[in-house]
Protein backbone atom coordinates (compact mmCIF):
# COMPACT_ATOMS: atom_id res chain seq x y z
CA MET A 1 -69.71 72.50 -4.94
CA ASN A 2 -72.35 73.51 -7.19
CA ARG A 3 -75.88 71.56 -7.35
CA ARG A 4 -74.11 69.17 -10.56
CA GLY A 5 -70.88 68.42 -9.22
CA PHE A 6 -67.45 69.52 -8.66
CA SER A 7 -63.74 69.15 -10.08
CA CYS A 8 -60.44 67.87 -8.84
CA SER A 9 -56.94 68.23 -10.91
CA SER A 10 -57.24 64.54 -12.24
CA CYS A 11 -60.93 63.94 -12.99
CA ILE A 12 -64.34 64.59 -12.75
CA VAL A 13 -66.15 63.37 -9.82
CA TYR A 14 -70.05 63.75 -10.01
CA ARG A 15 -72.29 64.23 -6.76
CA CYS A 16 -75.79 65.32 -7.20
CA ALA A 17 -76.94 67.38 -4.79
CA ILE A 18 -80.49 67.02 -5.62
CA MET A 19 -81.74 65.00 -8.79
CA ARG A 20 -85.88 65.04 -9.31
CA ILE A 21 -87.23 63.21 -12.04
CA ILE A 22 -91.07 62.76 -13.22
CA VAL A 23 -91.66 59.25 -14.95
CA THR A 24 -94.34 58.73 -17.33
CA GLY A 25 -95.65 55.77 -19.21
CA GLN A 26 -99.32 54.60 -20.65
CA VAL A 27 -101.13 51.98 -18.25
CA GLY A 28 -99.79 48.71 -19.00
CA VAL A 29 -96.27 49.61 -18.97
CA ASP A 30 -96.28 48.77 -15.17
CA LYS A 31 -93.36 51.45 -13.98
CA GLY A 32 -93.93 50.73 -10.22
CA PRO A 33 -91.42 47.50 -9.47
CA TYR A 34 -89.32 49.24 -12.68
CA LEU A 35 -88.60 52.56 -10.75
CA GLU A 36 -88.22 50.33 -7.83
CA GLN A 37 -85.78 48.59 -9.16
CA VAL A 38 -83.89 51.64 -10.33
CA ALA A 39 -84.52 52.75 -6.09
CA GLU A 40 -82.86 49.79 -4.90
CA MET A 41 -79.87 50.40 -7.55
CA ALA A 42 -79.13 53.75 -5.95
CA ARG A 43 -79.44 52.51 -2.54
CA ARG A 44 -76.88 49.89 -3.06
CA GLN A 45 -74.34 52.87 -4.27
CA ASN A 46 -75.38 54.91 -0.57
CA GLN A 47 -77.59 57.20 -3.28
CA PRO A 48 -80.75 57.32 -1.56
CA LEU A 49 -83.76 57.86 -3.95
CA LYS A 50 -87.46 57.97 -3.36
CA VAL A 51 -90.06 57.07 -5.55
CA PHE A 52 -93.85 58.57 -5.20
CA HIS A 53 -96.17 56.74 -6.90
CA VAL A 54 -99.28 59.11 -7.92
CA GLY A 55 -101.72 56.62 -8.49
CA ARG A 56 -101.15 54.48 -5.01
CA MET A 57 -101.28 57.69 -3.33
CA MET A 58 -104.44 58.85 -4.84
CA TYR A 59 -105.80 55.65 -3.72
CA GLU A 60 -104.85 56.36 -0.22
CA GLU A 61 -106.34 59.44 -0.22
CA ALA A 62 -109.57 58.06 -1.25
CA PRO A 63 -109.84 54.89 0.52
CA ASP A 64 -113.87 55.10 -0.49
CA VAL A 65 -112.73 54.46 -4.05
CA PRO A 66 -112.69 50.55 -5.37
CA PRO A 67 -109.72 49.43 -6.73
CA GLY A 68 -109.21 49.74 -10.16
CA ARG A 69 -111.95 52.35 -10.31
CA ILE A 70 -110.24 55.79 -9.66
CA LEU A 71 -111.01 57.02 -13.45
CA ASN A 72 -114.77 56.34 -13.04
CA LEU A 73 -114.46 59.57 -10.87
CA PRO A 74 -116.14 62.96 -11.93
CA ILE A 75 -113.53 64.86 -13.49
CA SER A 76 -113.46 67.55 -10.71
CA ARG A 77 -113.05 64.88 -7.78
CA LEU A 78 -110.32 63.55 -9.81
CA ASN A 79 -108.40 66.58 -10.15
CA THR A 80 -108.54 67.45 -6.63
CA LEU A 81 -107.46 64.54 -5.66
CA ARG A 82 -104.23 64.18 -7.94
CA ARG A 83 -103.29 68.17 -6.82
CA ALA A 84 -103.60 67.10 -3.22
CA VAL A 85 -101.03 63.89 -3.77
CA PHE A 86 -98.92 66.36 -6.16
CA LYS A 87 -98.72 68.87 -2.97
CA GLU A 88 -97.79 66.30 -0.72
CA ILE A 89 -95.16 65.35 -2.99
CA ILE A 90 -93.80 68.83 -2.79
CA ARG A 91 -94.04 69.21 0.30
CA GLN A 92 -91.79 66.13 0.86
CA ALA A 93 -89.34 66.26 -2.20
CA ASP A 94 -86.92 68.29 0.11
CA ASP A 95 -86.91 65.87 2.96
CA TYR A 96 -84.97 63.33 -0.22
CA GLN A 97 -81.69 63.54 -2.01
CA HIS A 98 -82.68 61.93 -5.22
CA VAL A 99 -86.65 61.55 -6.03
CA ILE A 100 -88.74 59.96 -8.75
CA VAL A 101 -92.33 61.39 -9.76
CA ASN A 102 -94.28 57.93 -11.10
CA THR A 103 -97.38 59.31 -13.09
CA HIS A 104 -99.12 59.79 -15.84
CA ALA A 105 -99.16 62.68 -18.27
CA THR A 106 -102.23 61.58 -20.01
CA PHE A 107 -105.32 59.77 -19.61
CA ARG A 108 -107.90 58.37 -22.21
CA TRP A 109 -111.15 57.26 -20.33
CA ARG A 110 -114.78 58.06 -20.10
CA HIS A 111 -114.09 61.60 -19.77
CA GLY A 112 -112.39 61.56 -23.09
CA LEU A 113 -108.08 62.51 -23.58
CA PHE A 114 -107.47 64.93 -20.22
CA ALA A 115 -104.66 65.82 -18.60
CA ALA A 116 -102.97 63.92 -15.65
CA PHE A 117 -101.09 66.83 -14.05
CA ASP A 118 -101.48 70.41 -13.55
CA PHE A 119 -98.53 72.70 -15.16
CA ASP A 120 -98.00 75.06 -11.63
CA GLN A 121 -97.37 71.84 -9.72
CA ILE A 122 -95.18 70.55 -12.32
CA SER A 123 -93.42 73.98 -12.16
CA ALA A 124 -93.12 73.89 -8.41
CA PHE A 125 -91.74 70.34 -8.32
CA ASN A 126 -89.24 71.82 -10.92
CA ALA A 127 -88.25 68.35 -12.13
CA ASP A 128 -84.53 68.02 -13.82
CA LEU A 129 -85.49 65.00 -16.05
CA TYR A 130 -88.31 63.95 -17.66
CA ILE A 131 -89.14 60.22 -18.87
CA THR A 132 -91.43 58.12 -20.68
CA LEU A 133 -91.18 54.65 -20.23
CA LEU A 134 -91.92 52.32 -23.07
CA ASP A 135 -92.59 48.85 -23.53
CA ASN A 136 -93.51 46.18 -26.54
CA ALA A 137 -97.59 46.60 -27.56
CA GLU A 138 -98.14 43.06 -26.54
CA SER A 139 -96.29 43.30 -23.39
CA VAL A 140 -98.64 46.08 -22.53
CA HIS A 141 -101.63 44.19 -23.83
CA GLN A 142 -100.82 41.13 -21.48
CA ARG A 143 -100.97 43.11 -18.39
CA LEU A 144 -103.90 45.16 -19.07
CA VAL A 145 -105.92 41.64 -19.27
CA ARG A 146 -104.08 40.42 -16.22
CA ASP A 147 -104.22 43.50 -14.19
CA HIS A 148 -106.81 46.03 -15.14
CA GLU A 149 -110.66 46.13 -16.46
CA ILE A 150 -109.96 48.04 -19.73
CA ASN A 151 -111.89 47.79 -22.64
CA HIS A 152 -109.06 48.03 -25.53
CA THR A 153 -107.05 47.25 -29.01
CA LEU A 154 -104.15 47.21 -29.99
CA LYS A 155 -104.67 50.36 -32.39
CA ASP A 156 -105.67 52.10 -28.48
CA ILE A 157 -102.32 50.62 -27.08
CA MET A 158 -100.23 52.09 -30.00
CA VAL A 159 -102.14 55.90 -29.83
CA TRP A 160 -101.89 55.78 -25.87
CA ARG A 161 -97.97 55.41 -26.26
CA GLU A 162 -98.13 58.45 -28.83
CA GLU A 163 -100.81 60.44 -26.35
CA GLU A 164 -97.76 59.82 -23.19
CA LEU A 165 -94.79 60.54 -25.22
CA LEU A 166 -96.02 63.89 -26.81
CA ALA A 167 -97.74 65.17 -23.89
CA THR A 168 -94.48 64.19 -21.69
CA GLU A 169 -92.23 66.11 -24.64
CA ILE A 170 -93.88 69.19 -24.48
CA VAL A 171 -94.22 69.78 -20.62
CA ALA A 172 -90.33 68.72 -20.43
CA SER A 173 -89.77 71.61 -23.18
CA ILE A 174 -91.80 74.33 -21.52
CA ALA A 175 -90.75 73.49 -18.27
CA ARG A 176 -87.02 73.02 -18.62
CA GLY A 177 -86.17 73.49 -22.49
CA TYR A 178 -84.77 70.89 -25.54
CA GLY A 179 -82.53 68.10 -23.60
CA HIS A 180 -84.43 67.33 -20.78
CA PHE A 181 -86.85 64.57 -21.91
CA TYR A 182 -85.87 60.99 -22.54
CA MET A 183 -87.46 57.58 -24.10
CA ILE A 184 -86.40 54.82 -22.42
CA SER A 185 -87.67 50.99 -23.21
CA ARG A 186 -88.23 48.44 -20.65
CA GLY A 187 -86.44 45.66 -22.77
CA ARG A 188 -87.48 42.08 -24.04
CA SER A 189 -84.97 40.28 -21.78
CA ILE A 190 -82.19 42.03 -20.30
CA PRO A 191 -83.75 44.52 -17.39
CA THR A 192 -82.88 48.44 -18.44
CA ALA A 193 -83.30 49.42 -15.03
CA ALA A 194 -79.61 50.55 -15.02
CA THR A 195 -80.25 52.82 -18.44
CA ILE A 196 -82.37 55.18 -15.49
CA TYR A 197 -80.22 54.55 -12.73
CA ARG A 198 -77.04 56.26 -14.79
CA LEU A 199 -79.21 58.63 -16.83
CA ILE A 200 -79.92 60.07 -13.47
CA LEU A 201 -76.95 59.91 -11.02
CA GLU A 202 -74.21 59.02 -13.67
CA PRO A 203 -74.82 61.55 -16.27
CA GLN A 204 -71.06 61.73 -16.92
CA ARG A 205 -71.39 58.67 -18.78
CA LYS A 206 -71.61 58.94 -22.43
CA LYS A 207 -75.09 58.15 -24.04
CA VAL A 208 -74.72 55.97 -27.11
CA TYR A 209 -77.55 54.94 -29.57
CA LEU A 210 -76.79 51.41 -30.57
CA SER A 211 -76.98 50.57 -34.11
CA PHE A 212 -77.12 46.98 -35.81
CA PRO A 213 -78.97 44.87 -38.28
CA MET A 214 -82.32 43.30 -36.62
CA SER A 215 -85.00 42.16 -38.99
CA HIS A 216 -82.52 39.98 -41.70
CA VAL A 217 -80.74 38.50 -38.61
CA VAL A 218 -83.05 36.41 -37.11
CA ASP A 219 -82.65 33.50 -38.47
CA LEU A 220 -78.85 33.33 -37.46
CA PRO A 221 -77.85 32.49 -34.05
CA ASN A 222 -74.15 33.25 -34.70
CA THR A 223 -74.69 36.82 -36.21
CA LEU A 224 -77.34 37.45 -33.21
CA GLU A 225 -74.49 36.09 -30.42
CA GLU A 226 -71.86 38.35 -32.13
CA ILE A 227 -74.82 41.17 -31.90
CA ASN A 228 -75.92 40.63 -28.48
CA GLY A 229 -71.84 40.71 -27.28
CA PHE A 230 -71.08 43.61 -28.66
CA LYS A 231 -74.59 45.28 -26.90
CA ALA A 232 -73.51 43.99 -23.44
CA THR A 233 -69.50 45.06 -24.03
CA ILE A 234 -70.81 48.64 -25.31
CA ALA A 235 -73.46 48.72 -22.18
CA GLU A 236 -70.54 47.99 -19.61
CA HIS A 237 -69.30 51.51 -20.03
CA PHE A 238 -71.77 53.77 -21.56
CA THR A 239 -75.79 54.29 -21.37
CA CYS A 240 -77.55 53.20 -24.11
CA PHE A 241 -80.82 53.00 -25.97
CA ASP A 242 -81.35 49.83 -27.75
CA PRO A 243 -83.14 50.15 -30.14
CA GLY A 244 -84.23 46.20 -29.85
CA ASP A 245 -85.90 47.13 -26.26
CA VAL A 246 -89.23 48.01 -28.24
CA ASP A 247 -89.38 46.27 -32.22
CA GLU A 248 -93.00 45.20 -32.82
CA TYR A 249 -91.84 44.43 -36.45
CA LEU A 250 -90.89 41.15 -35.46
CA LEU A 251 -95.02 41.03 -34.66
CA TYR A 252 -96.05 42.49 -37.99
CA THR A 253 -94.01 39.78 -39.69
CA ALA A 254 -95.46 36.78 -37.76
CA ALA A 255 -98.90 38.22 -38.39
CA ASP A 256 -97.96 39.25 -41.97
CA ARG A 257 -97.16 35.33 -42.21
CA ALA A 258 -100.39 34.30 -40.70
CA GLN A 259 -103.02 36.31 -42.80
CA GLN A 260 -100.88 35.12 -45.82
CA GLU A 261 -101.78 31.12 -44.46
CA GLY A 262 -104.73 32.08 -43.73
CA ILE A 263 -104.41 31.79 -39.85
CA GLU A 264 -106.70 34.01 -37.38
CA THR A 265 -104.33 34.21 -34.25
CA ILE A 266 -100.50 34.14 -33.59
CA GLU A 267 -98.47 33.67 -30.38
CA ALA A 268 -96.31 36.42 -29.84
CA GLN A 269 -93.51 36.45 -26.69
CA ALA A 270 -94.52 38.88 -24.50
CA ALA A 271 -93.17 40.09 -21.15
CA ASP A 272 -94.67 37.55 -18.74
CA GLY A 273 -94.89 34.23 -21.31
CA PRO A 274 -96.73 34.28 -24.57
CA VAL A 275 -100.11 35.72 -25.48
CA THR A 276 -102.43 35.02 -28.49
CA LEU A 277 -103.37 38.04 -30.25
CA LYS A 278 -106.02 37.87 -33.38
CA THR A 279 -103.80 38.30 -36.78
CA ALA A 280 -106.69 40.81 -37.88
CA ASP A 281 -105.75 43.16 -35.13
CA VAL A 282 -102.05 43.29 -35.39
CA MET A 283 -102.38 43.48 -39.16
CA GLN A 284 -104.55 46.82 -38.02
CA ILE A 285 -101.60 48.36 -36.67
CA SER A 286 -99.11 47.72 -39.21
CA GLY A 287 -98.98 50.95 -40.57
CA ASP A 288 -98.37 52.44 -36.56
CA ILE A 289 -96.10 49.75 -35.89
CA MET A 290 -93.55 51.35 -38.89
CA GLY A 291 -93.99 54.65 -38.48
CA GLN A 292 -93.47 54.24 -34.71
CA ILE A 293 -90.12 52.48 -35.63
CA TYR A 294 -88.72 55.26 -37.47
CA ALA A 295 -89.77 58.07 -35.22
CA ARG A 296 -88.77 57.06 -32.17
CA ASP A 297 -85.22 55.34 -33.69
CA PHE A 298 -84.55 58.89 -34.76
CA LYS A 299 -85.40 60.17 -31.52
CA MET A 300 -83.17 57.64 -29.44
CA ILE A 301 -80.19 59.26 -31.85
CA ASP A 302 -81.66 62.98 -30.79
CA GLN A 303 -80.79 62.36 -26.94
CA SER A 304 -77.83 60.51 -27.51
CA ASP A 305 -74.03 61.83 -27.76
CA MET A 306 -73.00 59.45 -30.32
CA ILE A 307 -74.27 56.60 -32.34
CA ILE A 308 -71.84 53.00 -32.60
CA SER A 309 -73.34 50.49 -35.33
CA LEU A 310 -71.83 47.05 -35.80
CA ILE A 311 -71.72 46.06 -39.04
CA PRO A 312 -71.35 42.02 -38.78
CA GLU A 313 -69.83 39.78 -41.64
CA LEU A 314 -73.37 37.32 -42.93
CA PRO A 315 -73.12 34.41 -44.73
CA GLN A 316 -71.17 34.57 -48.05
CA GLY A 317 -69.31 37.34 -46.85
CA ARG A 318 -71.95 40.36 -46.92
CA PRO A 319 -71.90 42.93 -45.00
CA GLY A 320 -74.67 43.20 -42.49
CA LEU A 321 -75.47 46.57 -43.35
CA SER A 322 -79.30 47.33 -43.55
CA SER A 323 -80.85 50.28 -45.13
CA GLY A 324 -82.44 51.23 -40.99
CA VAL A 325 -78.65 51.09 -40.00
CA GLU A 326 -77.77 52.95 -42.86
CA ARG A 327 -80.27 56.00 -42.48
CA GLU A 328 -79.55 55.74 -38.33
CA LEU A 329 -75.59 56.80 -39.56
CA HIS A 330 -76.74 59.29 -41.80
CA HIS A 331 -79.16 60.52 -39.60
CA ALA A 332 -76.82 60.76 -36.74
CA TYR A 333 -73.77 62.02 -38.94
CA GLU A 334 -76.67 65.42 -39.84
CA GLY A 335 -77.61 65.58 -36.66
CA GLY A 336 -73.56 66.52 -35.07
CA LYS A 337 -73.26 63.67 -32.82
CA GLU A 338 -70.38 61.52 -32.93
CA VAL A 339 -70.59 58.41 -34.95
CA TYR A 340 -68.87 55.01 -34.47
CA VAL A 341 -68.79 52.06 -36.72
CA VAL A 342 -67.56 48.24 -36.19
CA TRP A 343 -66.82 46.85 -39.41
CA ALA A 344 -66.63 43.03 -38.14
CA CYS A 345 -66.15 41.99 -42.08
CA SER A 346 -63.67 41.37 -44.88
CA ALA A 347 -65.80 43.49 -47.40
CA THR A 348 -64.29 47.03 -47.91
CA PRO A 349 -66.41 49.75 -46.45
CA SER A 350 -67.92 51.86 -48.89
CA PRO A 351 -67.02 56.18 -48.93
CA PHE A 352 -70.62 56.20 -47.29
CA ILE A 353 -69.72 54.58 -44.45
CA THR A 354 -65.79 55.83 -44.07
CA GLU A 355 -66.85 59.79 -45.46
CA THR A 356 -69.53 60.34 -42.79
CA ALA A 357 -67.81 58.08 -39.67
CA THR A 358 -65.83 59.85 -37.18
CA ARG A 359 -63.95 56.61 -36.98
CA VAL A 360 -64.58 53.05 -38.37
CA PHE A 361 -62.97 50.22 -36.06
CA ARG A 362 -62.58 46.36 -37.13
CA SER A 363 -63.66 44.67 -33.78
CA THR A 364 -65.49 46.11 -30.66
CA ALA A 365 -62.50 45.76 -28.55
CA GLU A 366 -60.65 48.31 -30.60
CA ALA A 367 -63.53 50.13 -30.41
CA ILE A 368 -63.16 50.00 -26.55
CA GLU A 369 -59.47 50.79 -26.71
CA HIS A 370 -60.09 54.13 -28.84
CA PHE A 371 -62.44 55.34 -25.96
CA ARG A 372 -60.70 54.34 -23.24
CA ALA A 373 -57.46 56.32 -24.70
CA LYS A 374 -59.89 59.32 -25.86
CA GLY A 375 -61.17 59.59 -22.31
CA TYR A 376 -65.01 57.81 -22.42
CA ILE A 377 -64.14 55.08 -20.30
CA ALA A 378 -62.76 55.40 -16.76
């Protein structure tokens, strides 16, 4: 058996001898409880997984520091604390089969922007995967107000997210090379802990980017139900990346409408209930919202093995083919990904769909049967 697994005559049986993962994310994403869900899923499958929470361990190492005040320490002591904690993690890691380190890649505080890691220790830990966890800006804002004494704006949240993503991706590329970094979203309603679990412990599953119309079907409940059914069916069998898990476009459209009507605040549905935001604050980040959606969706396609796109039928028999979906399909095709389209409408697909798709199906069930015959589904 090698480190990754062994084969038999009829199947590939995956056995992780060691999996080490570093998970980053901006303050307010609340990674701890999420990663403990992943650990519990692993334990239920007899795959012991230990989560080391760097922040908690730093407070334990410095009992004189009040909760929430550790970043106020001199940078020299902060670095010393972090190095001591990471040294202990490296020492203990060999005692566990699977290890996740919950940390940050960057901090922006009174010291300015600074790294939250030391590369010599990152190299010594030798992580197999680097993951940055994302969440919607309104949910991050809600937690920052509730759990932290951090003066911030929505613009800060958008900038911190990009800094965390970029720093983690650079470290992963230097330490392990291309293909060892993933961005994963926490999700709006359906818990996505299974995504990280499968990415870590079931790497034989194909990774799928889910593509479907979003902004122009929000008022079509039957279409939304069809899309949710499509996503749930595909997610039964694959490791899925869902662009709808982080989608601040709805936030922008609500603020844009409020601004036109002269309304100074909007109410957004965040992770733990409604939150009130200033219309002007949301409009200030409209460019960040658009740019990050564009870049994030393409990156999620790049980290996938294939794209599966649902084109539902809209009223009057029109295909639900948005410009976003078309760009996603074209990006996947140009990137050498497998491109699958579920054309669930009566209209005939154009050559721009059929000539770039690996296969076009008439239903999700037909697609599943194809993937089963192809060996993608056990």
